[in-house]
Amino acid sequence: MGKTKKKQEIEIQPFVTVYYDAWMNDNDEDPVLSLVLAILQEIDGLTSLENERGILDLAGNVLDCFTGRTVKGVLDSLRGTPPLENIKKAKDLESKIAAFFESILPERGNRMVVFIDELDRCKPDYAIHLLERIKHYFGNERITFIFSLNMDELQHTIRKFYGNDFDACRYLERFFDFRIELPKPDMRRFYDGIGLENGSWVYESVCKQVVEMFNMGLREIAKFYRVAKTVAYKPTHKEHDQWLFAFSDGTGRQFCFLCIVPLMIGLNMCDRPRYNKFIQGRDGSPLIELLKIISGLTEYADYEI
């Protein structure tokens, strides 16, 4: 018999991970300030910053470039929202940032991974500023930035700043080494997760058609159905009301609940100008469009639209 191969042991290297919500910070004058503070807050959850004088001194040097605050001010900032006054630039900012990160990594991990979320929702100038800052000042090979975003939306944001003719796609290629597209979500499971039933209720079916009509994202869908369920769930989920597309005299109220209410919620969320015209009676095209779509829901109705 041959010799049994010895299993190769895999050494797991510790990582320092930081989550940064760009949209929540896009009122900052400079993204470096909130990025450094986010990293300090993460480290404070692992060890006590009170005993890390070297790190705090280096962090203080970076933050002083923006706020003029001392190390004590850095500690204070961890307990509240830091003021963003008297922002100033410093020629040696890059070296100070490099020294700050070199002081963090040796004892805490082999690599730092910073997750940047919601960049595509930021104001155009802040999104560009954040990308440029990371490109120029965070060049440490042991730091990896992972962006979770909608690339199409981010390109749209960039064009808002530079103009519609600007090549936003080529511009963004400067900042991202690898791009991984996530598979499309399983909408049936997603609907189940937010409580949007997949049974035979007409209201749920109309809500789904409104979602498709306005091409809503997942966050928008969850918000839309939360409002739609609050407004009209009870009057549209009675066992004896499942036939209500075949409404007769006096049941127009049910048509309003089944069709007009979800349509108005969708319009209000996704197209305010058309919503205003619709509720003022100046544009009925959204309802006509929806009725054409749901005319195929014959499995739920005897009434042919």
C-alpha atoms as a PDB file:
ATOM      1  CA  MET A   1       0.000   0.000   0.000  1.00  0.00           C
ATOM      2  CA  GLY A   2       1.200   3.482  -0.693  1.00  0.00           C
ATOM      3  CA  LYS A   3       2.054   5.952   1.968  1.00  0.00           C
ATOM      4  CA  THR A   4      -0.796   8.002   3.346  1.00  0.00           C
ATOM      5  CA  LYS A   5      -0.404  11.603   2.367  1.00  0.00           C
ATOM      6  CA  LYS A   6      -0.098  13.940   5.266  1.00  0.00           C
ATOM      7  CA  LYS A   7      -2.779  16.590   5.320  1.00  0.00           C
ATOM      8  CA  GLN A   8      -1.414  20.035   4.733  1.00  0.00           C
ATOM      9  CA  GLU A   9      -2.344  22.384   7.511  1.00  0.00           C
ATOM     10  CA  ILE A  10      -3.713  25.710   6.419  1.00  0.00           C
ATOM     11  CA  GLU A  11      -2.728  28.625   8.543  1.00  0.00           C
ATOM     12  CA  ILE A  12      -5.583  31.076   8.924  1.00  0.00           C
ATOM     13  CA  GLN A  13      -4.359  34.640   8.936  1.00  0.00           C
ATOM     14  CA  PRO A  14      -6.285  37.120  11.073  1.00  0.00           C
ATOM     15  CA  PHE A  15      -7.915  40.007   9.227  1.00  0.00           C
ATOM     16  CA  VAL A  16      -9.060  43.348  10.525  1.00  0.00           C
ATOM     17  CA  THR A  17     -12.424  44.168   8.944  1.00  0.00           C
ATOM     18  CA  VAL A  18     -14.051  47.594   8.840  1.00  0.00           C
ATOM     19  CA  TYR A  19     -17.510  48.536   7.571  1.00  0.00           C
ATOM     20  CA  TYR A  20     -17.955  52.050   6.162  1.00  0.00           C
ATOM     21  CA  ASP A  21     -21.362  53.377   5.067  1.00  0.00           C
ATOM     22  CA  ALA A  22     -20.449  56.056   2.527  1.00  0.00           C
ATOM     23  CA  TRP A  23     -24.004  57.380   2.239  1.00  0.00           C
ATOM     24  CA  MET A  24     -24.256  57.969   5.993  1.00  0.00           C
ATOM     25  CA  ASN A  25     -21.063  60.043   5.851  1.00  0.00           C
ATOM     26  CA  ASP A  26     -21.484  62.024   2.643  1.00  0.00           C
ATOM     27  CA  ASN A  27     -22.053  65.268   4.519  1.00  0.00           C
ATOM     28  CA  ASP A  28     -18.428  65.167   5.716  1.00  0.00           C
ATOM     29  CA  GLU A  29     -16.067  67.684   4.215  1.00  0.00           C
ATOM     30  CA  ASP A  30     -13.447  65.003   3.610  1.00  0.00           C
ATOM     31  CA  PRO A  31     -13.980  61.197   3.577  1.00  0.00           C
ATOM     32  CA  VAL A  32     -10.544  60.515   5.101  1.00  0.00           C
ATOM     33  CA  LEU A  33     -11.762  61.852   8.436  1.00  0.00           C
ATOM     34  CA  SER A  34     -14.742  59.503   8.745  1.00  0.00           C
ATOM     35  CA  LEU A  35     -12.757  56.582   7.302  1.00  0.00           C
ATOM     36  CA  VAL A  36     -10.057  56.902   9.960  1.00  0.00           C
ATOM     37  CA  LEU A  37     -12.660  57.245  12.687  1.00  0.00           C
ATOM     38  CA  ALA A  38     -14.511  54.150  11.416  1.00  0.00           C
ATOM     39  CA  ILE A  39     -11.240  52.204  11.635  1.00  0.00           C
ATOM     40  CA  LEU A  40     -10.551  53.510  15.134  1.00  0.00           C
ATOM     41  CA  GLN A  41     -14.028  52.515  16.258  1.00  0.00           C
ATOM     42  CA  GLU A  42     -13.509  48.997  14.909  1.00  0.00           C
ATOM     43  CA  ILE A  43     -10.172  48.649  16.695  1.00  0.00           C
ATOM     44  CA  ASP A  44     -11.688  49.971  19.895  1.00  0.00           C
ATOM     45  CA  GLY A  45     -14.059  47.002  19.800  1.00  0.00           C
ATOM     46  CA  LEU A  46     -11.089  44.623  19.699  1.00  0.00           C
ATOM     47  CA  THR A  47      -8.743  46.240  22.181  1.00  0.00           C
ATOM     48  CA  SER A  48      -8.714  49.222  24.482  1.00  0.00           C
ATOM     49  CA  LEU A  49      -7.530  52.333  22.703  1.00  0.00           C
ATOM     50  CA  GLU A  50      -6.678  53.907  26.031  1.00  0.00           C
ATOM     51  CA  ASN A  51      -3.524  51.758  26.163  1.00  0.00           C
ATOM     52  CA  GLU A  52      -2.538  52.236  22.520  1.00  0.00           C
ATOM     53  CA  ARG A  53      -0.659  55.499  22.712  1.00  0.00           C
ATOM     54  CA  GLY A  54       1.362  54.918  19.541  1.00  0.00           C
ATOM     55  CA  ILE A  55      -1.671  54.289  17.393  1.00  0.00           C
ATOM     56  CA  LEU A  56      -3.550  57.201  18.882  1.00  0.00           C
ATOM     57  CA  ASP A  57      -0.624  59.528  18.309  1.00  0.00           C
ATOM     58  CA  LEU A  58      -0.467  58.532  14.644  1.00  0.00           C
ATOM     59  CA  ALA A  59      -4.251  58.738  14.260  1.00  0.00           C
ATOM     60  CA  GLY A  60      -4.133  62.128  15.910  1.00  0.00           C
ATOM     61  CA  ASN A  61      -1.577  63.279  13.331  1.00  0.00           C
ATOM     62  CA  VAL A  62      -3.926  62.278  10.512  1.00  0.00           C
ATOM     63  CA  LEU A  63      -7.008  63.822  12.068  1.00  0.00           C
ATOM     64  CA  ASP A  64      -5.136  66.993  12.963  1.00  0.00           C
ATOM     65  CA  CYS A  65      -4.694  67.533   9.235  1.00  0.00           C
ATOM     66  CA  PHE A  66      -8.453  67.995   9.056  1.00  0.00           C
ATOM     67  CA  THR A  67      -9.654  69.174  12.428  1.00  0.00           C
ATOM     68  CA  GLY A  68      -6.686  70.399  14.434  1.00  0.00           C
ATOM     69  CA  ARG A  69      -7.756  68.153  17.317  1.00  0.00           C
ATOM     70  CA  THR A  70      -5.421  66.374  19.737  1.00  0.00           C
ATOM     71  CA  VAL A  71      -5.274  62.685  20.651  1.00  0.00           C
ATOM     72  CA  LYS A  72      -7.750  63.397  23.431  1.00  0.00           C
ATOM     73  CA  GLY A  73     -10.050  64.755  20.763  1.00  0.00           C
ATOM     74  CA  VAL A  74      -9.755  61.465  18.880  1.00  0.00           C
ATOM     75  CA  LEU A  75     -10.892  59.547  21.966  1.00  0.00           C
ATOM     76  CA  ASP A  76     -13.723  61.992  22.491  1.00  0.00           C
ATOM     77  CA  SER A  77     -14.807  61.588  18.878  1.00  0.00           C
ATOM     78  CA  LEU A  78     -15.388  57.886  19.493  1.00  0.00           C
ATOM     79  CA  ARG A  79     -18.144  58.783  21.925  1.00  0.00           C
ATOM     80  CA  GLY A  80     -20.040  61.185  19.675  1.00  0.00           C
ATOM     81  CA  THR A  81     -20.267  62.821  16.281  1.00  0.00           C
ATOM     82  CA  PRO A  82     -17.023  64.679  15.507  1.00  0.00           C
ATOM     83  CA  PRO A  83     -17.285  68.329  14.466  1.00  0.00           C
ATOM     84  CA  LEU A  84     -16.177  69.016  10.926  1.00  0.00           C
ATOM     85  CA  GLU A  85     -14.923  72.559  11.313  1.00  0.00           C
ATOM     86  CA  ASN A  86     -11.689  74.201  10.288  1.00  0.00           C
ATOM     87  CA  ILE A  87     -10.811  71.465   7.788  1.00  0.00           C
ATOM     88  CA  LYS A  88      -7.223  71.977   6.590  1.00  0.00           C
ATOM     89  CA  LYS A  89      -4.944  70.236   4.140  1.00  0.00           C
ATOM     90  CA  ALA A  90      -1.458  68.916   4.896  1.00  0.00           C
ATOM     91  CA  LYS A  91       1.332  68.097   2.436  1.00  0.00           C
ATOM     92  CA  ASP A  92       2.463  65.093   4.447  1.00  0.00           C
ATOM     93  CA  LEU A  93      -1.001  63.542   4.771  1.00  0.00           C
ATOM     94  CA  GLU A  94      -0.071  60.472   2.724  1.00  0.00           C
ATOM     95  CA  SER A  95       2.914  59.595   4.909  1.00  0.00           C
ATOM     96  CA  LYS A  96       0.869  60.096   8.075  1.00  0.00           C
ATOM     97  CA  ILE A  97      -1.867  57.792   6.816  1.00  0.00           C
ATOM     98  CA  ALA A  98       0.723  55.171   5.835  1.00  0.00           C
ATOM     99  CA  ALA A  99       2.307  55.344   9.292  1.00  0.00           C
ATOM    100  CA  PHE A 100      -1.096  55.044  10.930  1.00  0.00           C
ATOM    101  CA  PHE A 101      -1.931  51.835   9.076  1.00  0.00           C
ATOM    102  CA  GLU A 102       1.526  50.369   9.615  1.00  0.00           C
ATOM    103  CA  SER A 103       0.974  50.784  13.345  1.00  0.00           C
ATOM    104  CA  ILE A 104      -2.390  48.994  13.267  1.00  0.00           C
ATOM    105  CA  LEU A 105      -1.695  45.875  11.230  1.00  0.00           C
ATOM    106  CA  PRO A 106       1.303  44.081  12.794  1.00  0.00           C
ATOM    107  CA  GLU A 107      -0.381  43.031  16.025  1.00  0.00           C
ATOM    108  CA  ARG A 108      -3.976  42.735  14.829  1.00  0.00           C
ATOM    109  CA  GLY A 109      -3.946  41.013  11.500  1.00  0.00           C
ATOM    110  CA  ASN A 110      -2.158  40.189   8.330  1.00  0.00           C
ATOM    111  CA  ARG A 111      -4.499  42.370   6.304  1.00  0.00           C
ATOM    112  CA  MET A 112      -7.189  44.983   6.700  1.00  0.00           C
ATOM    113  CA  VAL A 113     -10.361  44.693   4.631  1.00  0.00           C
ATOM    114  CA  VAL A 114     -12.520  47.819   4.397  1.00  0.00           C
ATOM    115  CA  PHE A 115     -16.053  47.287   3.103  1.00  0.00           C
ATOM    116  CA  ILE A 116     -17.415  50.432   1.439  1.00  0.00           C
ATOM    117  CA  ASP A 117     -21.201  50.348   1.114  1.00  0.00           C
ATOM    118  CA  GLU A 118     -23.796  52.638  -0.509  1.00  0.00           C
ATOM    119  CA  LEU A 119     -21.309  54.626  -2.611  1.00  0.00           C
ATOM    120  CA  ASP A 120     -23.763  54.754  -5.520  1.00  0.00           C
ATOM    121  CA  ARG A 121     -26.273  56.602  -3.303  1.00  0.00           C
ATOM    122  CA  CYS A 122     -23.846  59.387  -2.330  1.00  0.00           C
ATOM    123  CA  LYS A 123     -23.765  62.921  -3.638  1.00  0.00           C
ATOM    124  CA  PRO A 124     -21.687  63.021  -6.851  1.00  0.00           C
ATOM    125  CA  ASP A 125     -18.897  65.198  -5.441  1.00  0.00           C
ATOM    126  CA  TYR A 126     -18.518  63.035  -2.333  1.00  0.00           C
ATOM    127  CA  ALA A 127     -18.458  59.770  -4.315  1.00  0.00           C
ATOM    128  CA  ILE A 128     -15.682  61.131  -6.537  1.00  0.00           C
ATOM    129  CA  HIS A 129     -13.793  62.569  -3.574  1.00  0.00           C
ATOM    130  CA  LEU A 130     -13.909  59.241  -1.739  1.00  0.00           C
ATOM    131  CA  LEU A 131     -12.631  57.288  -4.730  1.00  0.00           C
ATOM    132  CA  GLU A 132      -9.824  59.776  -5.360  1.00  0.00           C
ATOM    133  CA  ARG A 133      -8.795  59.819  -1.689  1.00  0.00           C
ATOM    134  CA  ILE A 134      -8.597  56.037  -1.511  1.00  0.00           C
ATOM    135  CA  LYS A 135      -6.646  55.912  -4.769  1.00  0.00           C
ATOM    136  CA  HIS A 136      -4.073  58.474  -3.661  1.00  0.00           C
ATOM    137  CA  TYR A 137      -3.740  57.987   0.086  1.00  0.00           C
ATOM    138  CA  PHE A 138      -4.533  54.344   0.822  1.00  0.00           C
ATOM    139  CA  GLY A 139      -1.919  52.561  -1.248  1.00  0.00           C
ATOM    140  CA  ASN A 140      -0.815  50.031   1.389  1.00  0.00           C
ATOM    141  CA  GLU A 141      -0.728  46.556  -0.219  1.00  0.00           C
ATOM    142  CA  ARG A 142      -2.058  45.013   2.985  1.00  0.00           C
ATOM    143  CA  ILE A 143      -5.271  47.010   2.800  1.00  0.00           C
ATOM    144  CA  THR A 144      -8.082  45.797   0.556  1.00  0.00           C
ATOM    145  CA  PHE A 145     -11.132  47.893  -0.249  1.00  0.00           C
ATOM    146  CA  ILE A 146     -14.314  46.065  -1.256  1.00  0.00           C
ATOM    147  CA  PHE A 147     -17.105  48.169  -2.733  1.00  0.00           C
ATOM    148  CA  SER A 148     -20.698  46.970  -2.694  1.00  0.00           C
ATOM    149  CA  LEU A 149     -22.557  49.010  -5.288  1.00  0.00           C
ATOM    150  CA  ASN A 150     -24.696  49.218  -8.376  1.00  0.00           C
ATOM    151  CA  MET A 151     -22.185  50.058 -11.105  1.00  0.00           C
ATOM    152  CA  ASP A 152     -24.812  51.495 -13.458  1.00  0.00           C
ATOM    153  CA  GLU A 153     -26.067  53.837 -10.720  1.00  0.00           C
ATOM    154  CA  LEU A 154     -22.516  54.898  -9.846  1.00  0.00           C
ATOM    155  CA  GLN A 155     -21.780  55.709 -13.488  1.00  0.00           C
ATOM    156  CA  HIS A 156     -24.944  57.809 -13.533  1.00  0.00           C
ATOM    157  CA  THR A 157     -23.726  59.593 -10.380  1.00  0.00           C
ATOM    158  CA  ILE A 158     -20.343  60.316 -11.978  1.00  0.00           C
ATOM    159  CA  ARG A 159     -22.003  61.775 -15.090  1.00  0.00           C
ATOM    160  CA  LYS A 160     -24.041  64.092 -12.891  1.00  0.00           C
ATOM    161  CA  PHE A 161     -20.752  65.633 -11.785  1.00  0.00           C
ATOM    162  CA  TYR A 162     -18.763  65.654 -15.046  1.00  0.00           C
ATOM    163  CA  GLY A 163     -21.562  65.853 -17.621  1.00  0.00           C
ATOM    164  CA  ASN A 164     -23.607  63.387 -19.683  1.00  0.00           C
ATOM    165  CA  ASP A 165     -20.859  62.995 -22.315  1.00  0.00           C
ATOM    166  CA  PHE A 166     -18.245  61.958 -19.742  1.00  0.00           C
ATOM    167  CA  ASP A 167     -16.898  58.390 -20.076  1.00  0.00           C
ATOM    168  CA  ALA A 168     -17.830  57.262 -16.562  1.00  0.00           C
ATOM    169  CA  CYS A 169     -17.146  53.589 -17.322  1.00  0.00           C
ATOM    170  CA  ARG A 170     -13.505  54.181 -18.259  1.00  0.00           C
ATOM    171  CA  TYR A 171     -13.068  56.614 -15.369  1.00  0.00           C
ATOM    172  CA  LEU A 172     -14.213  54.017 -12.816  1.00  0.00           C
ATOM    173  CA  GLU A 173     -11.880  51.372 -14.230  1.00  0.00           C
ATOM    174  CA  ARG A 174      -9.027  53.350 -12.654  1.00  0.00           C
ATOM    175  CA  PHE A 175     -10.270  52.473  -9.176  1.00  0.00           C
ATOM    176  CA  PHE A 176     -11.419  48.853  -9.328  1.00  0.00           C
ATOM    177  CA  ASP A 177      -8.964  45.995  -9.910  1.00  0.00           C
ATOM    178  CA  PHE A 178     -11.605  43.257  -9.975  1.00  0.00           C
ATOM    179  CA  ARG A 179     -15.330  43.322 -10.544  1.00  0.00           C
ATOM    180  CA  ILE A 180     -17.624  40.494  -9.451  1.00  0.00           C
ATOM    181  CA  GLU A 181     -21.277  40.572 -10.445  1.00  0.00           C
ATOM    182  CA  LEU A 182     -23.633  38.955  -7.975  1.00  0.00           C
ATOM    183  CA  PRO A 183     -26.305  36.658  -9.437  1.00  0.00           C
ATOM    184  CA  LYS A 184     -29.804  37.998  -9.707  1.00  0.00           C
ATOM    185  CA  PRO A 185     -31.790  37.430  -6.520  1.00  0.00           C
ATOM    186  CA  ASP A 186     -34.394  34.709  -6.227  1.00  0.00           C
ATOM    187  CA  MET A 187     -37.438  36.973  -6.230  1.00  0.00           C
ATOM    188  CA  ARG A 188     -39.781  34.300  -4.953  1.00  0.00           C
ATOM    189  CA  ARG A 189     -37.653  33.831  -1.840  1.00  0.00           C
ATOM    190  CA  PHE A 190     -37.243  37.582  -1.494  1.00  0.00           C
ATOM    191  CA  TYR A 191     -40.997  38.135  -1.670  1.00  0.00           C
ATOM    192  CA  ASP A 192     -41.502  35.424   0.927  1.00  0.00           C
ATOM    193  CA  GLY A 193     -38.932  37.102   3.151  1.00  0.00           C
ATOM    194  CA  ILE A 194     -40.741  40.455   3.163  1.00  0.00           C
ATOM    195  CA  GLY A 195     -44.160  38.856   3.570  1.00  0.00           C
ATOM    196  CA  LEU A 196     -45.380  39.431   0.024  1.00  0.00           C
ATOM    197  CA  GLU A 197     -47.346  36.220  -0.389  1.00  0.00           C
ATOM    198  CA  ASN A 198     -47.198  34.120  -3.540  1.00  0.00           C
ATOM    199  CA  GLY A 199     -50.713  32.729  -3.217  1.00  0.00           C
ATOM    200  CA  SER A 200     -53.892  33.648  -5.073  1.00  0.00           C
ATOM    201  CA  TRP A 201     -54.501  37.099  -3.612  1.00  0.00           C
ATOM    202  CA  VAL A 202     -55.120  39.705  -6.295  1.00  0.00           C
ATOM    203  CA  TYR A 203     -53.564  42.492  -4.223  1.00  0.00           C
ATOM    204  CA  GLU A 204     -50.179  40.728  -4.047  1.00  0.00           C
ATOM    205  CA  SER A 205     -50.242  40.119  -7.791  1.00  0.00           C
ATOM    206  CA  VAL A 206     -50.991  43.767  -8.541  1.00  0.00           C
ATOM    207  CA  CYS A 207     -48.239  44.872  -6.142  1.00  0.00           C
ATOM    208  CA  LYS A 208     -45.747  42.700  -8.028  1.00  0.00           C
ATOM    209  CA  GLN A 209     -46.853  44.220 -11.322  1.00  0.00           C
ATOM    210  CA  VAL A 210     -46.324  47.714  -9.897  1.00  0.00           C
ATOM    211  CA  VAL A 211     -42.843  46.639  -8.772  1.00  0.00           C
ATOM    212  CA  GLU A 212     -41.994  45.525 -12.317  1.00  0.00           C
ATOM    213  CA  MET A 213     -43.658  48.571 -13.834  1.00  0.00           C
ATOM    214  CA  PHE A 214     -41.275  50.889 -11.990  1.00  0.00           C
ATOM    215  CA  ASN A 215     -38.271  48.528 -12.122  1.00  0.00           C
ATOM    216  CA  MET A 216     -37.763  48.775  -8.356  1.00  0.00           C
ATOM    217  CA  GLY A 217     -34.622  47.639  -6.579  1.00  0.00           C
ATOM    218  CA  LEU A 218     -34.749  45.291  -3.594  1.00  0.00           C
ATOM    219  CA  ARG A 219     -34.658  48.090  -1.033  1.00  0.00           C
ATOM    220  CA  GLU A 220     -37.430  49.928  -2.882  1.00  0.00           C
ATOM    221  CA  ILE A 221     -39.546  46.768  -3.095  1.00  0.00           C
ATOM    222  CA  ALA A 222     -39.301  46.172   0.658  1.00  0.00           C
ATOM    223  CA  LYS A 223     -40.267  49.784   1.374  1.00  0.00           C
ATOM    224  CA  PHE A 224     -43.063  49.734  -1.205  1.00  0.00           C
ATOM    225  CA  TYR A 225     -44.706  46.606   0.148  1.00  0.00           C
ATOM    226  CA  ARG A 226     -44.328  47.730   3.754  1.00  0.00           C
ATOM    227  CA  VAL A 227     -46.395  50.816   2.890  1.00  0.00           C
ATOM    228  CA  ALA A 228     -48.827  48.900   0.639  1.00  0.00           C
ATOM    229  CA  LYS A 229     -49.464  46.302   3.339  1.00  0.00           C
ATOM    230  CA  THR A 230     -50.063  48.988   5.952  1.00  0.00           C
ATOM    231  CA  VAL A 231     -52.510  50.883   3.788  1.00  0.00           C
ATOM    232  CA  ALA A 232     -54.710  48.203   2.247  1.00  0.00           C
ATOM    233  CA  TYR A 233     -53.927  44.709   3.516  1.00  0.00           C
ATOM    234  CA  LYS A 234     -57.073  44.145   5.559  1.00  0.00           C
ATOM    235  CA  PRO A 235     -59.718  45.166   2.988  1.00  0.00           C
ATOM    236  CA  THR A 236     -57.988  43.161   0.228  1.00  0.00           C
ATOM    237  CA  HIS A 237     -57.457  39.900   2.131  1.00  0.00           C
ATOM    238  CA  LYS A 238     -60.923  38.612   2.910  1.00  0.00           C
ATOM    239  CA  GLU A 239     -61.773  35.115   1.764  1.00  0.00           C
ATOM    240  CA  HIS A 240     -65.000  36.198   0.098  1.00  0.00           C
ATOM    241  CA  ASP A 241     -63.305  39.072  -1.742  1.00  0.00           C
ATOM    242  CA  GLN A 242     -60.947  37.078  -3.984  1.00  0.00           C
ATOM    243  CA  TRP A 243     -63.278  37.562  -6.975  1.00  0.00           C
ATOM    244  CA  LEU A 244     -63.262  41.354  -6.682  1.00  0.00           C
ATOM    245  CA  PHE A 245     -61.904  42.084 -10.144  1.00  0.00           C
ATOM    246  CA  ALA A 246     -65.392  41.099 -11.268  1.00  0.00           C
ATOM    247  CA  PHE A 247     -66.714  44.036  -9.312  1.00  0.00           C
ATOM    248  CA  SER A 248     -70.349  45.043  -9.677  1.00  0.00           C
ATOM    249  CA  ASP A 249     -72.207  48.207  -8.756  1.00  0.00           C
ATOM    250  CA  GLY A 250     -71.040  49.633  -5.451  1.00  0.00           C
ATOM    251  CA  THR A 251     -67.722  47.791  -5.380  1.00  0.00           C
ATOM    252  CA  GLY A 252     -65.602  50.445  -7.111  1.00  0.00           C
ATOM    253  CA  ARG A 253     -64.070  51.060  -3.703  1.00  0.00           C
ATOM    254  CA  GLN A 254     -62.469  47.626  -3.947  1.00  0.00           C
ATOM    255  CA  PHE A 255     -60.998  48.510  -7.339  1.00  0.00           C
ATOM    256  CA  CYS A 256     -59.388  51.522  -5.697  1.00  0.00           C
ATOM    257  CA  PHE A 257     -57.844  49.314  -3.013  1.00  0.00           C
ATOM    258  CA  LEU A 258     -56.693  46.646  -5.450  1.00  0.00           C
ATOM    259  CA  CYS A 259     -55.263  48.841  -8.217  1.00  0.00           C
ATOM    260  CA  ILE A 260     -55.152  52.549  -7.529  1.00  0.00           C
ATOM    261  CA  VAL A 261     -53.654  52.365  -4.015  1.00  0.00           C
ATOM    262  CA  PRO A 262     -50.553  50.304  -4.980  1.00  0.00           C
ATOM    263  CA  LEU A 263     -50.151  52.381  -8.137  1.00  0.00           C
ATOM    264  CA  MET A 264     -50.198  55.640  -6.160  1.00  0.00           C
ATOM    265  CA  ILE A 265     -47.652  54.276  -3.675  1.00  0.00           C
ATOM    266  CA  GLY A 266     -45.361  53.226  -6.533  1.00  0.00           C
ATOM    267  CA  LEU A 267     -45.723  56.564  -8.306  1.00  0.00           C
ATOM    268  CA  ASN A 268     -45.072  58.492  -5.107  1.00  0.00           C
ATOM    269  CA  MET A 269     -41.856  56.549  -4.523  1.00  0.00           C
ATOM    270  CA  CYS A 270     -40.485  56.408  -8.060  1.00  0.00           C
ATOM    271  CA  ASP A 271     -41.928  59.249 -10.154  1.00  0.00           C
ATOM    272  CA  ARG A 272     -43.145  62.259  -8.219  1.00  0.00           C
ATOM    273  CA  PRO A 273     -43.960  64.429 -11.289  1.00  0.00           C
ATOM    274  CA  ARG A 274     -46.287  61.743 -12.704  1.00  0.00           C
ATOM    275  CA  TYR A 275     -47.713  61.135  -9.228  1.00  0.00           C
ATOM    276  CA  ASN A 276     -48.669  64.801  -8.894  1.00  0.00           C
ATOM    277  CA  LYS A 277     -50.299  64.809 -12.332  1.00  0.00           C
ATOM    278  CA  PHE A 278     -52.096  61.547 -11.585  1.00  0.00           C
ATOM    279  CA  ILE A 279     -53.674  62.638  -8.299  1.00  0.00           C
ATOM    280  CA  GLN A 280     -54.652  65.960  -9.889  1.00  0.00           C
ATOM    281  CA  GLY A 281     -56.465  64.122 -12.674  1.00  0.00           C
ATOM    282  CA  ARG A 282     -54.180  65.485 -15.389  1.00  0.00           C
ATOM    283  CA  ASP A 283     -52.540  62.199 -16.419  1.00  0.00           C
ATOM    284  CA  GLY A 284     -54.285  58.842 -16.336  1.00  0.00           C
ATOM    285  CA  SER A 285     -51.628  57.024 -18.364  1.00  0.00           C
ATOM    286  CA  PRO A 286     -50.060  55.221 -15.342  1.00  0.00           C
ATOM    287  CA  LEU A 287     -53.400  53.527 -14.575  1.00  0.00           C
ATOM    288  CA  ILE A 288     -53.943  52.618 -18.234  1.00  0.00           C
ATOM    289  CA  GLU A 289     -50.441  51.138 -18.336  1.00  0.00           C
ATOM    290  CA  LEU A 290     -51.076  49.101 -15.185  1.00  0.00           C
ATOM    291  CA  LEU A 291     -54.463  47.853 -16.407  1.00  0.00           C
ATOM    292  CA  LYS A 292     -52.875  46.608 -19.631  1.00  0.00           C
ATOM    293  CA  ILE A 293     -50.330  44.686 -17.587  1.00  0.00           C
ATOM    294  CA  ILE A 294     -52.762  43.103 -15.142  1.00  0.00           C
ATOM    295  CA  SER A 295     -55.300  42.217 -17.823  1.00  0.00           C
ATOM    296  CA  GLY A 296     -53.470  38.896 -18.000  1.00  0.00           C
ATOM    297  CA  LEU A 297     -54.385  37.996 -14.424  1.00  0.00           C
ATOM    298  CA  THR A 298     -57.442  36.031 -15.575  1.00  0.00           C
ATOM    299  CA  GLU A 299     -56.752  33.282 -13.062  1.00  0.00           C
ATOM    300  CA  TYR A 300     -57.931  35.679 -10.362  1.00  0.00           C
ATOM    301  CA  ALA A 301     -60.853  37.286 -12.094  1.00  0.00           C
ATOM    302  CA  ASP A 302     -63.973  36.739 -14.117  1.00  0.00           C
ATOM    303  CA  TYR A 303     -63.940  40.341 -15.281  1.00  0.00           C
ATOM    304  CA  GLU A 304     -62.130  41.027 -18.531  1.00  0.00           C
ATOM    305  CA  ILE A 305     -60.438  44.441 -18.554  1.00  0.00           C
END
